[in-house]
């Protein structure tokens, strides 16, 4: 490797950067929202009266028809 290539890759080539503050906050918010929605799904499923209703509710959740009111 030539000296010029060495210095280019050492100083100017694209390096992996740490995620910025905004990205870290968005990741934390996304994880929080996922936990929140999983809690709601679990509550929705636990309110079923019998096995048939539980299976119908699971089917709705798997299809994506479950919406928070």
Protein backbone atom coordinates (compact mmCIF):
# COMPACT_ATOMS: atom_id res chain seq x y z
CA UNK A 1 0.00 0.00 0.00
CA UNK A 2 1.29 3.42 -0.90
CA UNK A 3 1.66 6.16 1.66
CA UNK A 4 -1.10 8.20 0.02
CA UNK A 5 -3.56 5.30 0.22
CA UNK A 6 -2.62 4.62 3.82
CA UNK A 7 -3.23 8.24 4.86
CA UNK A 8 -6.49 8.38 2.88
CA UNK A 9 -7.94 5.32 4.56
CA UNK A 10 -6.64 6.38 7.95
CA UNK A 11 -7.97 9.95 7.85
CA UNK A 12 -10.68 10.39 5.22
CA UNK A 13 -12.36 7.09 4.51
CA UNK A 14 -15.84 6.57 5.87
CA UNK A 15 -15.59 5.27 9.39
CA UNK A 16 -18.28 3.78 11.55
CA UNK A 17 -19.64 6.47 13.77
CA UNK A 18 -21.42 6.09 17.05
CA UNK A 19 -25.13 6.78 16.75
CA UNK A 20 -25.92 10.39 17.47
CA UNK A 21 -28.04 11.71 20.28
CA UNK A 22 -31.18 11.87 18.14
CA UNK A 23 -30.79 8.27 16.99
CA UNK A 24 -30.25 7.04 20.54
CA UNK A 25 -33.37 8.88 21.74
CA UNK A 26 -35.45 7.53 18.83
CA UNK A 27 -34.29 3.99 19.59
CA UNK A 28 -35.27 4.36 23.25
CA UNK A 29 -38.66 5.81 22.27
CA UNK A 30 -39.24 2.99 19.78
CA UNK A 31 -38.41 0.37 22.43
CA UNK A 32 -40.74 2.11 24.90
CA UNK A 33 -43.59 2.15 22.37
CA UNK A 34 -43.05 -1.53 21.57
CA UNK A 35 -43.21 -2.39 25.28
CA UNK A 36 -46.32 -0.27 25.65
CA UNK A 37 -48.08 -1.91 22.71
CA UNK A 38 -47.11 -5.41 23.90
CA UNK A 39 -48.63 -4.57 27.27
CA UNK A 40 -51.85 -3.55 25.53
CA UNK A 41 -51.91 -6.70 23.42
CA UNK A 42 -51.43 -8.85 26.52
CA UNK A 43 -54.23 -7.00 28.30
CA UNK A 44 -56.50 -7.40 25.26
CA UNK A 45 -55.84 -11.13 25.16
CA UNK A 46 -56.26 -11.60 28.90
CA UNK A 47 -59.76 -10.10 28.79
CA UNK A 48 -61.14 -13.04 26.82
CA UNK A 49 -63.95 -15.00 28.44
CA UNK A 50 -63.27 -18.44 27.00
CA UNK A 51 -60.88 -20.32 24.74
CA UNK A 52 -62.82 -19.59 21.54
CA UNK A 53 -62.80 -15.85 22.23
CA UNK A 54 -59.08 -16.03 23.06
CA UNK A 55 -58.38 -17.72 19.72
CA UNK A 56 -60.44 -15.07 17.89
CA UNK A 57 -58.55 -12.29 19.65
CA UNK A 58 -55.20 -13.93 18.87
CA UNK A 59 -56.25 -14.15 15.22
CA UNK A 60 -57.12 -10.43 15.19
CA UNK A 61 -53.77 -9.54 16.73
CA UNK A 62 -51.85 -11.71 14.24
CA UNK A 63 -53.71 -10.16 11.28
CA UNK A 64 -53.07 -6.67 12.60
CA UNK A 65 -56.76 -5.87 13.11
CA UNK A 66 -56.14 -5.09 16.77
CA UNK A 67 -56.46 -1.36 17.36
CA UNK A 68 -56.30 0.52 20.61
CA UNK A 69 -59.48 2.36 21.51
